[in-house]
């Protein structure tokens, strides 16, 4: 019998080639997206990640309320939910969301988990290191239209850590999600 970690590792390997293939995107119906634990063959064309010799980094983020995170990240940051697996008690055991060719994984690992926002409420040191607007243990995401993305995030209640800034290394802004995870959004250079 395979472990949960083994299934996740297999899923990651199967998806490895997806980010490098620049072919047309195929959209699956919402009903099958939520029920399917993998997007097998969606962009990989049957090749394994090992065969492509590509390296991938996929952030794995824990949330106290993973189901709410799926919905909030979609509303605020425009991510698209592709996988939702829940435990019998309704907790998110594994979720996946896409943006462009990027992928994030998320879950509610245990009822005892506390996100960054709640951690700051009880830990003076966490309050200190979170007092700056910089990204601490966060995720960098490239977007096509930074102004539109910023407006959407702000309207959905994201804590804006910095307004849109221009200049090196690029046009960007920083935000915190509803549980205190930090995100750094850059505008793609289409030049």
Protein backbone atom coordinates (compact mmCIF):
# COMPACT_ATOMS: atom_id res chain seq x y z
CA UNK A 1 0.00 0.00 0.00
CA UNK A 2 1.38 3.43 -0.92
CA UNK A 3 1.66 6.20 1.62
CA UNK A 4 0.24 9.66 1.19
CA UNK A 5 3.77 11.02 0.78
CA UNK A 6 4.45 8.40 -1.89
CA UNK A 7 1.30 9.36 -3.80
CA UNK A 8 2.24 13.05 -3.63
CA UNK A 9 5.78 12.32 -4.86
CA UNK A 10 4.37 10.33 -7.78
CA UNK A 11 1.93 13.14 -8.57
CA UNK A 12 4.77 15.69 -8.55
CA UNK A 13 6.90 13.52 -10.87
CA UNK A 14 3.99 13.03 -13.27
CA UNK A 15 3.41 16.77 -13.39
CA UNK A 16 7.05 17.65 -13.84
CA UNK A 17 6.92 17.80 -17.60
CA UNK A 18 3.72 19.88 -17.56
CA UNK A 19 5.44 23.18 -16.83
CA UNK A 20 7.98 22.87 -19.64
CA UNK A 21 5.66 21.84 -22.42
CA UNK A 22 4.35 24.93 -24.15
CA UNK A 23 1.51 23.24 -26.01
CA UNK A 24 -2.14 24.23 -25.89
CA UNK A 25 -3.86 24.11 -22.53
CA UNK A 26 -6.66 21.63 -22.20
CA UNK A 27 -9.44 22.51 -19.77
CA UNK A 28 -11.26 19.82 -17.83
CA UNK A 29 -14.77 20.20 -16.49
CA UNK A 30 -15.02 21.46 -12.90
CA UNK A 31 -16.64 18.24 -11.70
CA UNK A 32 -13.69 16.08 -12.80
CA UNK A 33 -11.10 18.61 -11.58
CA UNK A 34 -12.28 18.37 -7.99
CA UNK A 35 -12.58 14.60 -7.96
CA UNK A 36 -9.31 13.82 -9.73
CA UNK A 37 -6.21 13.48 -7.56
CA UNK A 38 -3.95 14.06 -10.58
CA UNK A 39 -4.03 15.76 -13.94
CA UNK A 40 -2.36 12.75 -15.54
CA UNK A 41 -1.45 13.40 -19.14
CA UNK A 42 -2.91 16.92 -19.20
CA UNK A 43 0.24 18.59 -20.43
CA UNK A 44 2.84 15.88 -20.02
CA UNK A 45 2.05 14.03 -23.22
CA UNK A 46 2.88 10.79 -21.44
CA UNK A 47 6.52 11.73 -20.67
CA UNK A 48 7.77 11.50 -17.14
CA UNK A 49 9.45 14.41 -15.36
CA UNK A 50 12.68 12.40 -15.19
CA UNK A 51 12.68 12.04 -18.98
CA UNK A 52 12.47 15.81 -19.45
CA UNK A 53 15.58 16.55 -17.32
CA UNK A 54 13.73 19.60 -15.97
CA UNK A 55 13.68 20.75 -12.36
CA UNK A 56 10.54 22.07 -10.71
CA UNK A 57 9.74 23.76 -7.44
CA UNK A 58 6.20 23.46 -6.16
CA UNK A 59 5.33 25.36 -2.97
CA UNK A 60 3.42 23.32 -0.40
CA UNK A 61 1.50 25.58 1.97
CA UNK A 62 -0.38 24.63 5.12
CA UNK A 63 -3.65 26.32 6.03
CA UNK A 64 -5.80 26.06 9.14
CA UNK A 65 -8.83 26.04 6.84
CA UNK A 66 -7.69 24.55 3.54
CA UNK A 67 -11.17 24.59 1.99
CA UNK A 68 -11.49 28.33 2.68
CA UNK A 69 -7.96 28.80 1.31
CA UNK A 70 -8.92 27.19 -2.01
CA UNK A 71 -11.84 29.58 -2.36
CA UNK A 72 -9.98 32.68 -1.11
CA UNK A 73 -6.90 32.15 -3.29
CA UNK A 74 -9.17 31.78 -6.30
CA UNK A 75 -11.12 34.93 -5.50
CA UNK A 76 -8.21 37.13 -4.43
CA UNK A 77 -5.27 35.96 -6.52
CA UNK A 78 -6.97 34.27 -9.47
CA UNK A 79 -5.58 30.77 -8.89
CA UNK A 80 -7.55 27.92 -10.46
CA UNK A 81 -8.40 24.92 -8.32
CA UNK A 82 -7.47 21.62 -9.96
CA UNK A 83 -7.52 19.12 -7.08
CA UNK A 84 -9.47 18.87 -3.82
CA UNK A 85 -9.13 15.82 -1.59
CA UNK A 86 -10.78 15.88 1.82
CA UNK A 87 -10.71 13.75 4.94
CA UNK A 88 -13.94 12.13 6.22
CA UNK A 89 -14.32 15.03 8.69
CA UNK A 90 -14.17 17.58 5.83
CA UNK A 91 -10.60 18.84 6.30
CA UNK A 92 -8.53 19.44 3.15
CA UNK A 93 -5.96 16.65 2.95
CA UNK A 94 -4.55 17.78 -0.41
CA UNK A 95 -5.39 20.60 -2.78
CA UNK A 96 -3.77 21.97 -5.89
CA UNK A 97 -4.13 25.29 -7.66
CA UNK A 98 -2.65 26.66 -10.87
CA UNK A 99 -1.72 30.06 -12.17
CA UNK A 100 -0.25 30.17 -15.65
CA UNK A 101 2.19 27.24 -15.67
CA UNK A 102 2.71 27.54 -11.89
CA UNK A 103 1.32 25.15 -9.32
CA UNK A 104 0.87 25.31 -5.55
CA UNK A 105 -0.18 22.52 -3.23
CA UNK A 106 -2.03 23.15 0.01
CA UNK A 107 -3.60 21.25 2.87
CA UNK A 108 -4.75 21.42 6.47
CA UNK A 109 -2.19 19.01 7.92
CA UNK A 110 -3.64 18.69 11.42
CA UNK A 111 -6.28 20.42 13.54
CA UNK A 112 -3.38 21.63 15.72
CA UNK A 113 -1.71 23.61 12.92
CA UNK A 114 -1.67 27.40 13.29
CA UNK A 115 -0.91 29.70 10.38
CA UNK A 116 1.42 32.71 10.49
CA UNK A 117 -1.32 35.15 11.51
CA UNK A 118 -2.34 33.11 14.57
CA UNK A 119 1.29 32.35 15.36
CA UNK A 120 2.01 36.09 15.61
CA UNK A 121 -0.84 36.47 18.12
CA UNK A 122 0.94 34.26 20.65
CA UNK A 123 4.63 34.68 19.74
CA UNK A 124 6.47 37.97 20.30
CA UNK A 125 9.38 36.91 18.07
CA UNK A 126 7.02 36.13 15.17
CA UNK A 127 5.42 39.56 15.61
CA UNK A 128 8.89 41.14 15.37
CA UNK A 129 9.97 39.35 12.22
CA UNK A 130 6.61 40.01 10.59
CA UNK A 131 6.70 43.74 11.30
CA UNK A 132 8.46 44.42 7.99
CA UNK A 133 6.65 44.40 4.63
CA UNK A 134 9.11 41.92 3.12
CA UNK A 135 8.30 38.40 2.10
CA UNK A 136 9.15 35.98 4.90
CA UNK A 137 8.70 32.35 3.89
CA UNK A 138 6.54 33.42 0.97
CA UNK A 139 5.82 32.67 -2.66
CA UNK A 140 6.81 34.68 -5.75
CA UNK A 141 4.23 34.71 -8.54
CA UNK A 142 4.49 36.34 -11.98
CA UNK A 143 1.26 37.82 -13.35
CA UNK A 144 0.32 39.36 -16.70
CA UNK A 145 -1.50 42.49 -15.46
CA UNK A 146 -0.20 43.70 -12.10
CA UNK A 147 -2.67 46.59 -11.77
CA UNK A 148 -5.67 44.32 -12.31
CA UNK A 149 -4.21 41.68 -9.99
CA UNK A 150 -3.52 44.25 -7.27
CA UNK A 151 -7.08 45.61 -7.47
CA UNK A 152 -8.55 42.11 -7.28
CA UNK A 153 -6.41 41.14 -4.27
CA UNK A 154 -7.22 44.35 -2.43
CA UNK A 155 -10.96 43.99 -3.09
CA UNK A 156 -10.88 40.41 -1.76
CA UNK A 157 -9.34 41.58 1.52
CA UNK A 158 -5.67 40.74 1.05
CA UNK A 159 -3.45 42.66 3.48
CA UNK A 160 -1.39 44.85 1.16
CA UNK A 161 2.17 44.96 2.49
CA UNK A 162 3.43 47.32 -0.23
CA UNK A 163 1.68 49.27 -2.94
CA UNK A 164 2.76 48.67 -6.54
CA UNK A 165 6.44 49.60 -6.92
CA UNK A 166 8.38 50.25 -10.12
CA UNK A 167 12.09 49.79 -10.69
CA UNK A 168 14.66 47.06 -10.35
CA UNK A 169 14.17 44.14 -10.15
CA UNK A 170 10.75 44.74 -11.71
CA UNK A 171 7.23 46.03 -11.19
CA UNK A 172 5.77 44.37 -8.08
CA UNK A 173 3.69 44.40 -4.91
CA UNK A 174 3.53 42.34 -1.74
CA UNK A 175 0.47 40.97 0.04
CA UNK A 176 -0.57 38.67 2.83
CA UNK A 177 -3.44 36.21 2.54
CA UNK A 178 -6.21 35.71 5.10
CA UNK A 179 -4.09 33.36 7.24
CA UNK A 180 -0.92 35.46 7.07
CA UNK A 181 1.05 33.71 4.31
CA UNK A 182 3.04 36.22 2.26
CA UNK A 183 2.97 36.57 -1.50
CA UNK A 184 5.19 38.59 -3.86
CA UNK A 185 3.61 39.44 -7.22
CA UNK A 186 5.71 40.56 -10.19
CA UNK A 187 4.49 41.70 -13.58
CA UNK A 188 5.76 39.58 -16.45
CA UNK A 189 8.14 41.40 -18.76
CA UNK A 190 6.49 40.95 -22.13
CA UNK A 191 9.17 42.90 -23.95
